[in-house]
C-alpha atoms as a PDB file:
ATOM      1  CA  MET A   1      11.669 -18.623  -5.730  1.00  0.00           C
ATOM      2  CA  THR A   2      14.035 -20.077  -3.177  1.00  0.00           C
ATOM      3  CA  THR A   3      16.284 -18.738  -0.470  1.00  0.00           C
ATOM      4  CA  SER A   4      19.269 -20.486  -2.057  1.00  0.00           C
ATOM      5  CA  ASN A   5      19.312 -18.243  -5.116  1.00  0.00           C
ATOM      6  CA  PRO A   6      22.209 -15.765  -5.346  1.00  0.00           C
ATOM      7  CA  ILE A   7      21.569 -12.073  -4.821  1.00  0.00           C
ATOM      8  CA  ARG A   8      20.789 -10.379  -8.142  1.00  0.00           C
ATOM      9  CA  THR A   9      22.659  -7.224  -9.114  1.00  0.00           C
ATOM     10  CA  GLY A  10      21.367  -6.280 -12.581  1.00  0.00           C
ATOM     11  CA  LYS A  11      17.757  -5.495 -13.466  1.00  0.00           C
ATOM     12  CA  PRO A  12      16.218  -7.585 -16.247  1.00  0.00           C
ATOM     13  CA  ALA A  13      14.771  -5.981 -19.352  1.00  0.00           C
ATOM     14  CA  TRP A  14      11.191  -6.088 -18.112  1.00  0.00           C
ATOM     15  CA  LEU A  15      12.085  -3.777 -15.201  1.00  0.00           C
ATOM     16  CA  ARG A  16      13.594  -0.997 -17.298  1.00  0.00           C
ATOM     17  CA  ARG A  17      11.433   2.061 -17.841  1.00  0.00           C
ATOM     18  CA  LYS A  18      12.041   5.717 -18.572  1.00  0.00           C
ATOM     19  CA  LEU A  19      11.671   8.111 -15.655  1.00  0.00           C
ATOM     20  CA  PRO A  20       8.603  10.370 -15.856  1.00  0.00           C
ATOM     21  CA  SER A  21       9.162  13.788 -17.378  1.00  0.00           C
ATOM     22  CA  GLY A  22       7.430  16.513 -19.340  1.00  0.00           C
ATOM     23  CA  PRO A  23       5.276  19.579 -18.565  1.00  0.00           C
ATOM     24  CA  ALA A  24       2.447  17.678 -16.871  1.00  0.00           C
ATOM     25  CA  TYR A  25       4.861  15.839 -14.579  1.00  0.00           C
ATOM     26  CA  GLU A  26       6.659  19.074 -13.650  1.00  0.00           C
ATOM     27  CA  GLN A  27       3.359  20.841 -12.988  1.00  0.00           C
ATOM     28  CA  ILE A  28       2.244  18.121 -10.569  1.00  0.00           C
ATOM     29  CA  ARG A  29       5.626  18.024  -8.849  1.00  0.00           C
ATOM     30  CA  SER A  30       5.549  21.792  -8.388  1.00  0.00           C
ATOM     31  CA  MET A  31       2.024  21.675  -7.007  1.00  0.00           C
ATOM     32  CA  ILE A  32       2.950  19.009  -4.474  1.00  0.00           C
ATOM     33  CA  GLY A  33       6.040  20.947  -3.446  1.00  0.00           C
ATOM     34  CA  LYS A  34       4.124  24.188  -2.927  1.00  0.00           C
ATOM     35  CA  GLY A  35       1.590  22.356  -0.796  1.00  0.00           C
ATOM     36  CA  GLN A  36       4.380  20.831   1.342  1.00  0.00           C
ATOM     37  CA  LEU A  37       3.003  17.387   0.584  1.00  0.00           C
ATOM     38  CA  HIS A  38       4.650  14.029  -0.060  1.00  0.00           C
ATOM     39  CA  THR A  39       3.666  11.147  -2.295  1.00  0.00           C
ATOM     40  CA  VAL A  40       4.313   7.419  -2.248  1.00  0.00           C
ATOM     41  CA  CYS A  41       5.550   7.784  -5.824  1.00  0.00           C
ATOM     42  CA  GLN A  42       8.313  10.078  -4.568  1.00  0.00           C
ATOM     43  CA  GLU A  43       9.337   8.042  -1.523  1.00  0.00           C
ATOM     44  CA  ALA A  44       8.068   4.469  -1.942  1.00  0.00           C
ATOM     45  CA  CYS A  45      10.253   1.928  -0.111  1.00  0.00           C
ATOM     46  CA  ASN A  46      12.612   4.691   0.957  1.00  0.00           C
ATOM     47  CA  ILE A  47      10.735   7.013   3.330  1.00  0.00           C
ATOM     48  CA  ASP A  48      13.091   8.948   5.555  1.00  0.00           C
ATOM     49  CA  GLY A  49      13.386   7.775   9.148  1.00  0.00           C
ATOM     50  CA  GLY A  50      14.005   9.815  12.259  1.00  0.00           C
ATOM     51  CA  GLN A  51      11.741  11.361  14.854  1.00  0.00           C
ATOM     52  CA  PRO A  52       8.656  12.808  13.157  1.00  0.00           C
ATOM     53  CA  GLY A  53       7.412  16.248  14.051  1.00  0.00           C
ATOM     54  CA  PRO A  54       3.968  17.101  15.389  1.00  0.00           C
ATOM     55  CA  LEU A  55       0.985  16.704  13.107  1.00  0.00           C
ATOM     56  CA  ASP A  56       0.043  19.739  11.044  1.00  0.00           C
ATOM     57  CA  PRO A  57      -3.691  20.373  11.545  1.00  0.00           C
ATOM     58  CA  ASP A  58      -3.812  22.187   8.203  1.00  0.00           C
ATOM     59  CA  GLU A  59      -2.438  19.234   6.236  1.00  0.00           C
ATOM     60  CA  PRO A  60      -5.842  17.598   5.501  1.00  0.00           C
ATOM     61  CA  ARG A  61      -6.998  20.834   3.862  1.00  0.00           C
ATOM     62  CA  ARG A  62      -3.805  21.078   1.786  1.00  0.00           C
ATOM     63  CA  VAL A  63      -4.202  17.473   0.656  1.00  0.00           C
ATOM     64  CA  ALA A  64      -7.772  18.186  -0.415  1.00  0.00           C
ATOM     65  CA  ASP A  65      -6.792  21.392  -2.219  1.00  0.00           C
ATOM     66  CA  ALA A  66      -4.018  19.606  -4.117  1.00  0.00           C
ATOM     67  CA  ALA A  67      -6.345  16.758  -5.081  1.00  0.00           C
ATOM     68  CA  ALA A  68      -8.912  19.255  -6.349  1.00  0.00           C
ATOM     69  CA  ASN A  69      -6.295  21.186  -8.332  1.00  0.00           C
ATOM     70  CA  MET A  70      -5.186  17.938  -9.988  1.00  0.00           C
ATOM     71  CA  ASN A  71      -8.810  17.021 -10.758  1.00  0.00           C
ATOM     72  CA  LEU A  72      -8.452  13.735  -8.912  1.00  0.00           C
ATOM     73  CA  ARG A  73     -11.468  11.523  -8.431  1.00  0.00           C
ATOM     74  CA  TYR A  74      -9.641   8.722  -6.623  1.00  0.00           C
ATOM     75  CA  VAL A  75      -7.142   9.499  -3.863  1.00  0.00           C
ATOM     76  CA  VAL A  76      -4.937   7.115  -1.874  1.00  0.00           C
ATOM     77  CA  VAL A  77      -3.985   8.516   1.531  1.00  0.00           C
ATOM     78  CA  THR A  78      -1.092   7.020   3.470  1.00  0.00           C
ATOM     79  CA  SER A  79       1.518   8.073   6.005  1.00  0.00           C
ATOM     80  CA  VAL A  80       4.659   7.027   7.772  1.00  0.00           C
ATOM     81  CA  THR A  81       3.968   4.948  10.866  1.00  0.00           C
ATOM     82  CA  ARG A  82       3.122   7.263  13.782  1.00  0.00           C
ATOM     83  CA  ASP A  83       3.548   5.017  16.799  1.00  0.00           C
ATOM     84  CA  ASP A  84       4.625   8.144  18.689  1.00  0.00           C
ATOM     85  CA  LEU A  85       0.993   9.272  18.679  1.00  0.00           C
ATOM     86  CA  LYS A  86      -1.546   7.827  21.086  1.00  0.00           C
ATOM     87  CA  ASP A  87      -4.008   7.122  18.277  1.00  0.00           C
ATOM     88  CA  GLY A  88      -1.347   6.140  15.730  1.00  0.00           C
ATOM     89  CA  GLY A  89      -2.423   9.044  13.535  1.00  0.00           C
ATOM     90  CA  SER A  90      -5.917   7.653  12.988  1.00  0.00           C
ATOM     91  CA  ALA A  91      -7.687  10.954  13.672  1.00  0.00           C
ATOM     92  CA  HIS A  92      -5.491  12.614  11.027  1.00  0.00           C
ATOM     93  CA  PHE A  93      -6.494   9.943   8.506  1.00  0.00           C
ATOM     94  CA  ALA A  94     -10.153  10.595   9.347  1.00  0.00           C
ATOM     95  CA  ALA A  95      -9.715  14.369   9.069  1.00  0.00           C
ATOM     96  CA  THR A  96      -8.082  13.967   5.656  1.00  0.00           C
ATOM     97  CA  ILE A  97     -10.945  11.784   4.420  1.00  0.00           C
ATOM     98  CA  ASP A  98     -13.440  14.396   5.627  1.00  0.00           C
ATOM     99  CA  ALA A  99     -11.502  17.257   3.998  1.00  0.00           C
ATOM    100  CA  LEU A 100     -11.339  15.426   0.677  1.00  0.00           C
ATOM    101  CA  ARG A 101     -15.076  14.702   0.708  1.00  0.00           C
ATOM    102  CA  GLU A 102     -15.863  18.317   1.564  1.00  0.00           C
ATOM    103  CA  LYS A 103     -13.671  19.649  -1.231  1.00  0.00           C
ATOM    104  CA  ILE A 104     -14.530  17.000  -3.844  1.00  0.00           C
ATOM    105  CA  PRO A 105     -17.949  15.516  -2.995  1.00  0.00           C
ATOM    106  CA  GLU A 106     -17.680  12.768  -5.640  1.00  0.00           C
ATOM    107  CA  VAL A 107     -14.160  11.659  -4.652  1.00  0.00           C
ATOM    108  CA  ARG A 108     -13.303   8.071  -3.781  1.00  0.00           C
ATOM    109  CA  VAL A 109     -10.802   7.704  -0.944  1.00  0.00           C
ATOM    110  CA  GLU A 110      -8.574   4.735  -0.197  1.00  0.00           C
ATOM    111  CA  VAL A 111      -6.461   4.740   2.954  1.00  0.00           C
ATOM    112  CA  LEU A 112      -3.268   2.740   3.333  1.00  0.00           C
ATOM    113  CA  ILE A 113      -2.779   2.404   7.079  1.00  0.00           C
ATOM    114  CA  PRO A 114      -0.240   0.939   9.543  1.00  0.00           C
ATOM    115  CA  ASP A 115      -1.230  -1.802  11.991  1.00  0.00           C
ATOM    116  CA  PHE A 116      -1.803   0.644  14.885  1.00  0.00           C
ATOM    117  CA  GLN A 117       0.118  -1.798  17.089  1.00  0.00           C
ATOM    118  CA  GLY A 118      -2.916  -4.057  17.120  1.00  0.00           C
ATOM    119  CA  VAL A 119      -5.122  -1.539  18.968  1.00  0.00           C
ATOM    120  CA  ARG A 120      -8.716  -1.668  17.772  1.00  0.00           C
ATOM    121  CA  SER A 121      -9.901   1.900  18.489  1.00  0.00           C
ATOM    122  CA  PRO A 122      -7.673   3.672  15.886  1.00  0.00           C
ATOM    123  CA  LEU A 123      -8.992   1.352  13.199  1.00  0.00           C
ATOM    124  CA  GLU A 124     -12.528   2.137  14.322  1.00  0.00           C
ATOM    125  CA  THR A 125     -11.742   5.863  14.013  1.00  0.00           C
ATOM    126  CA  VAL A 126     -10.571   5.474  10.418  1.00  0.00           C
ATOM    127  CA  LEU A 127     -13.477   3.242   9.420  1.00  0.00           C
ATOM    128  CA  ALA A 128     -15.967   5.674  10.997  1.00  0.00           C
ATOM    129  CA  ALA A 129     -14.852   8.220   8.371  1.00  0.00           C
ATOM    130  CA  HIS A 130     -16.052   5.711   5.722  1.00  0.00           C
ATOM    131  CA  PRO A 131     -13.127   5.371   3.329  1.00  0.00           C
ATOM    132  CA  ASP A 132     -14.060   3.583   0.122  1.00  0.00           C
ATOM    133  CA  VAL A 133     -11.202   1.083   0.617  1.00  0.00           C
ATOM    134  CA  LEU A 134      -9.162   0.172   3.707  1.00  0.00           C
ATOM    135  CA  ASN A 135      -5.692  -0.987   2.666  1.00  0.00           C
ATOM    136  CA  HIS A 136      -3.093  -2.595   4.920  1.00  0.00           C
ATOM    137  CA  ASN A 137      -0.156  -4.395   3.354  1.00  0.00           C
ATOM    138  CA  MET A 138       1.115  -7.752   4.573  1.00  0.00           C
ATOM    139  CA  GLU A 139       4.272  -7.088   2.492  1.00  0.00           C
ATOM    140  CA  THR A 140       5.877 -10.544   2.710  1.00  0.00           C
ATOM    141  CA  VAL A 141       5.605 -14.125   3.934  1.00  0.00           C
ATOM    142  CA  GLN A 142       5.591 -15.018   7.624  1.00  0.00           C
ATOM    143  CA  ARG A 143       9.137 -16.434   7.779  1.00  0.00           C
ATOM    144  CA  LEU A 144      10.655 -13.220   6.455  1.00  0.00           C
ATOM    145  CA  TYR A 145       8.891 -10.827   8.851  1.00  0.00           C
ATOM    146  CA  PRO A 146      11.796 -10.519  11.341  1.00  0.00           C
ATOM    147  CA  GLY A 147      14.098  -9.218   8.605  1.00  0.00           C
ATOM    148  CA  VAL A 148      11.638  -7.397   6.358  1.00  0.00           C
ATOM    149  CA  ARG A 149       9.175  -5.996   8.923  1.00  0.00           C
ATOM    150  CA  PRO A 150      10.942  -6.187  12.314  1.00  0.00           C
ATOM    151  CA  GLN A 151       8.508  -3.767  13.982  1.00  0.00           C
ATOM    152  CA  ALA A 152       5.446  -5.563  12.652  1.00  0.00           C
ATOM    153  CA  ASP A 153       3.744  -8.859  13.403  1.00  0.00           C
ATOM    154  CA  TYR A 154       2.308 -11.233  10.819  1.00  0.00           C
ATOM    155  CA  ASP A 155      -0.702 -12.334  12.860  1.00  0.00           C
ATOM    156  CA  ARG A 156      -1.391  -8.770  14.011  1.00  0.00           C
ATOM    157  CA  SER A 157      -1.638  -7.573  10.418  1.00  0.00           C
ATOM    158  CA  LEU A 158      -3.955 -10.439   9.514  1.00  0.00           C
ATOM    159  CA  GLU A 159      -6.136  -9.578  12.512  1.00  0.00           C
ATOM    160  CA  LEU A 160      -6.404  -5.957  11.369  1.00  0.00           C
ATOM    161  CA  LEU A 161      -7.659  -7.081   7.964  1.00  0.00           C
ATOM    162  CA  ALA A 162     -10.165  -9.414   9.613  1.00  0.00           C
ATOM    163  CA  ARG A 163     -11.412  -6.608  11.881  1.00  0.00           C
ATOM    164  CA  VAL A 164     -12.331  -4.450   8.892  1.00  0.00           C
ATOM    165  CA  ARG A 165     -15.022  -6.897   7.893  1.00  0.00           C
ATOM    166  CA  ARG A 166     -16.255  -7.326  11.469  1.00  0.00           C
ATOM    167  CA  ILE A 167     -16.444  -3.576  12.160  1.00  0.00           C
ATOM    168  CA  ASP A 168     -17.885  -2.434   8.828  1.00  0.00           C
ATOM    169  CA  PRO A 169     -18.429  -5.092   6.149  1.00  0.00           C
ATOM    170  CA  SER A 170     -19.484  -2.405   3.656  1.00  0.00           C
ATOM    171  CA  ILE A 171     -15.865  -1.190   3.402  1.00  0.00           C
ATOM    172  CA  PRO A 172     -13.660  -3.534   1.341  1.00  0.00           C
ATOM    173  CA  ALA A 173     -10.267  -4.504   2.732  1.00  0.00           C
ATOM    174  CA  LYS A 174      -7.224  -4.555   0.485  1.00  0.00           C
ATOM    175  CA  SER A 175      -3.703  -5.875   1.012  1.00  0.00           C
ATOM    176  CA  GLY A 176      -0.472  -6.390  -0.889  1.00  0.00           C
ATOM    177  CA  ILE A 177       2.727  -8.399  -0.952  1.00  0.00           C
ATOM    178  CA  MET A 178       6.146  -8.065  -2.586  1.00  0.00           C
ATOM    179  CA  LEU A 179       8.019 -10.910  -4.237  1.00  0.00           C
ATOM    180  CA  GLY A 180      11.742 -11.315  -4.708  1.00  0.00           C
ATOM    181  CA  LEU A 181      12.943 -11.459  -1.106  1.00  0.00           C
ATOM    182  CA  GLY A 182      13.696 -15.172  -1.076  1.00  0.00           C
ATOM    183  CA  GLU A 183      10.209 -16.513  -0.372  1.00  0.00           C
ATOM    184  CA  THR A 184       9.326 -20.023  -1.503  1.00  0.00           C
ATOM    185  CA  GLU A 185       6.414 -21.032  -3.698  1.00  0.00           C
ATOM    186  CA  GLU A 186       4.586 -22.630  -0.792  1.00  0.00           C
ATOM    187  CA  GLU A 187       5.122 -19.576   1.394  1.00  0.00           C
ATOM    188  CA  VAL A 188       3.567 -17.319  -1.246  1.00  0.00           C
ATOM    189  CA  ARG A 189       0.588 -19.625  -1.526  1.00  0.00           C
ATOM    190  CA  GLN A 190       0.219 -19.541   2.256  1.00  0.00           C
ATOM    191  CA  VAL A 191       0.311 -15.757   2.664  1.00  0.00           C
ATOM    192  CA  ILE A 192      -2.209 -15.293  -0.156  1.00  0.00           C
ATOM    193  CA  ALA A 193      -4.471 -17.893   1.467  1.00  0.00           C
ATOM    194  CA  ASP A 194      -4.061 -16.253   4.885  1.00  0.00           C
ATOM    195  CA  ILE A 195      -5.034 -12.863   3.479  1.00  0.00           C
ATOM    196  CA  HIS A 196      -8.060 -14.374   1.760  1.00  0.00           C
ATOM    197  CA  HIS A 197      -9.114 -16.060   5.013  1.00  0.00           C
ATOM    198  CA  THR A 198      -9.484 -12.649   6.708  1.00  0.00           C
ATOM    199  CA  GLY A 199     -12.256 -11.694   4.289  1.00  0.00           C
ATOM    200  CA  CYS A 200     -10.003  -9.391   2.274  1.00  0.00           C
ATOM    201  CA  ARG A 201     -10.913  -9.596  -1.416  1.00  0.00           C
ATOM    202  CA  MET A 202      -8.563  -7.067  -3.050  1.00  0.00           C
ATOM    203  CA  LEU A 203      -4.887  -7.948  -3.531  1.00  0.00           C
ATOM    204  CA  THR A 204      -1.773  -6.433  -5.105  1.00  0.00           C
ATOM    205  CA  ILE A 205       1.385  -8.420  -5.877  1.00  0.00           C
ATOM    206  CA  GLY A 206       4.562  -6.648  -6.964  1.00  0.00           C
ATOM    207  CA  GLN A 207       8.334  -6.964  -7.313  1.00  0.00           C
ATOM    208  CA  TYR A 208      10.514  -5.872  -4.405  1.00  0.00           C
ATOM    209  CA  LEU A 209      13.218  -3.418  -5.488  1.00  0.00           C
ATOM    210  CA  GLN A 210      16.148  -2.366  -3.303  1.00  0.00           C
ATOM    211  CA  PRO A 211      15.923   1.445  -2.913  1.00  0.00           C
ATOM    212  CA  THR A 212      19.390   1.957  -1.374  1.00  0.00           C
ATOM    213  CA  PRO A 213      22.429  -0.197  -0.508  1.00  0.00           C
ATOM    214  CA  GLN A 214      21.317  -0.014   3.132  1.00  0.00           C
ATOM    215  CA  HIS A 215      18.080  -1.851   2.362  1.00  0.00           C
ATOM    216  CA  LEU A 216      17.541  -5.572   1.903  1.00  0.00           C
ATOM    217  CA  PRO A 217      18.927  -6.923  -1.386  1.00  0.00           C
ATOM    218  CA  VAL A 218      16.790  -8.412  -4.120  1.00  0.00           C
ATOM    219  CA  ILE A 219      17.090 -12.203  -4.128  1.00  0.00           C
ATOM    220  CA  ASP A 220      14.934 -12.874  -7.211  1.00  0.00           C
ATOM    221  CA  PHE A 221      13.566 -10.840 -10.099  1.00  0.00           C
ATOM    222  CA  ILE A 222      10.224 -12.447 -10.845  1.00  0.00           C
ATOM    223  CA  PRO A 223       9.294 -12.583 -14.565  1.00  0.00           C
ATOM    224  CA  PRO A 224       5.948 -11.180 -15.706  1.00  0.00           C
ATOM    225  CA  GLU A 225       4.524 -14.614 -16.504  1.00  0.00           C
ATOM    226  CA  GLU A 226       5.002 -15.650 -12.875  1.00  0.00           C
ATOM    227  CA  PHE A 227       3.012 -12.625 -11.744  1.00  0.00           C
ATOM    228  CA  ASP A 228       0.280 -13.649 -14.186  1.00  0.00           C
ATOM    229  CA  ARG A 229       0.259 -17.084 -12.609  1.00  0.00           C
ATOM    230  CA  TRP A 230      -0.071 -15.654  -9.092  1.00  0.00           C
ATOM    231  CA  ARG A 231      -2.930 -13.445 -10.257  1.00  0.00           C
ATOM    232  CA  GLN A 232      -4.755 -16.459 -11.630  1.00  0.00           C
ATOM    233  CA  PHE A 233      -4.097 -18.431  -8.451  1.00  0.00           C
ATOM    234  CA  SER A 234      -5.494 -15.600  -6.315  1.00  0.00           C
ATOM    235  CA  LEU A 235      -8.621 -15.197  -8.443  1.00  0.00           C
ATOM    236  CA  GLU A 236      -9.264 -18.935  -8.340  1.00  0.00           C
ATOM    237  CA  LEU A 237      -8.857 -18.827  -4.559  1.00  0.00           C
ATOM    238  CA  GLY A 238     -11.685 -16.306  -4.378  1.00  0.00           C
ATOM    239  CA  PHE A 239     -10.265 -12.781  -4.549  1.00  0.00           C
ATOM    240  CA  ASP A 240     -12.506 -10.362  -6.419  1.00  0.00           C
ATOM    241  CA  LYS A 241      -9.787  -8.020  -7.683  1.00  0.00           C
ATOM    242  CA  VAL A 242      -6.080  -8.732  -8.153  1.00  0.00           C
ATOM    243  CA  ALA A 243      -3.326  -6.570  -9.645  1.00  0.00           C
ATOM    244  CA  SER A 244      -0.123  -8.561 -10.134  1.00  0.00           C
ATOM    245  CA  GLY A 245       3.026  -7.561 -12.011  1.00  0.00           C
ATOM    246  CA  PRO A 246       6.597  -6.328 -11.636  1.00  0.00           C
ATOM    247  CA  PHE A 247       5.563  -2.675 -11.361  1.00  0.00           C
ATOM    248  CA  VAL A 248       2.489  -3.188  -9.197  1.00  0.00           C
ATOM    249  CA  ARG A 249       2.421  -1.392  -5.850  1.00  0.00           C
ATOM    250  CA  SER A 250      -0.318  -1.051  -3.252  1.00  0.00           C
ATOM    251  CA  SER A 251      -1.670   2.104  -4.896  1.00  0.00           C
ATOM    252  CA  TYR A 252      -1.006   0.935  -8.472  1.00  0.00           C
ATOM    253  CA  HIS A 253      -3.974   1.940 -10.669  1.00  0.00           C
ATOM    254  CA  ALA A 254      -6.007   1.982  -7.457  1.00  0.00           C
ATOM    255  CA  GLY A 255      -8.970   3.749  -9.005  1.00  0.00           C
ATOM    256  CA  SER A 256      -9.173   1.274 -11.874  1.00  0.00           C
ATOM    257  CA  MET A 257      -8.852  -1.619  -9.456  1.00  0.00           C
ATOM    258  CA  PHE A 258     -11.701  -0.260  -7.330  1.00  0.00           C
ATOM    259  CA  SER A 259     -13.958   0.079 -10.379  1.00  0.00           C
ATOM    260  CA  GLY A 260     -13.027  -3.380 -11.626  1.00  0.00           C
ATOM    261  CA  ASN A 261     -10.935  -2.324 -14.629  1.00  0.00           C
ATOM    262  CA  GLU A 262      -7.539  -3.547 -13.348  1.00  0.00           C
ATOM    263  CA  LYS A 263      -5.352  -5.755 -15.530  1.00  0.00           C
END
């Protein structure tokens, strides 16, 4: 992985998969649509921008109802960044956790949160609702932050992960990175080590894919054996659970990863 590689235009064989279809898929899509909900699977890497509207106080209930109707026992809750809100949307995360627990008492809830601009109190609000996993993605290596995450800060994201352990060590922190943006081998080693240093022990590593021509291009398609190597490196470094592969995303097989059955 080097920045000198040419931009890739065609997907390799290992990245070709059939789109989901069938009655079960259509039933779930219809249910989500009727509930006026959105999923990361629908909008990953390509969430619409623009000025968001006010929060819907009924949304936590609708999320819980949909999860119950789908017989879910592990739910990953995320959102677009809400820097327009004083609390960054943290109270809405907490309300959604509470609604899920009320509707499905045995449910496990993972939250995938923004950095809250480095403010501690919103993180405390989310952790006070006792999610089973607190996920915040680093996304890429430090050098690439200005281009990949211009509104974020590398050290600020690391500090958020470190705060999870200091505020409530009973809640495991989780993070993830994408490969294929021109990062070097040493830079990948460094970001994985930096994440581990925060006390985070759950890690996902996946392939960056360009969702639209307006997004950053793919520099490298990383072969599956390289992802296997990064998984082994991370486990040897001290991570407890690592999911690493071309199709891995932050919520990839999240329930299996939590229970220790990830591949």
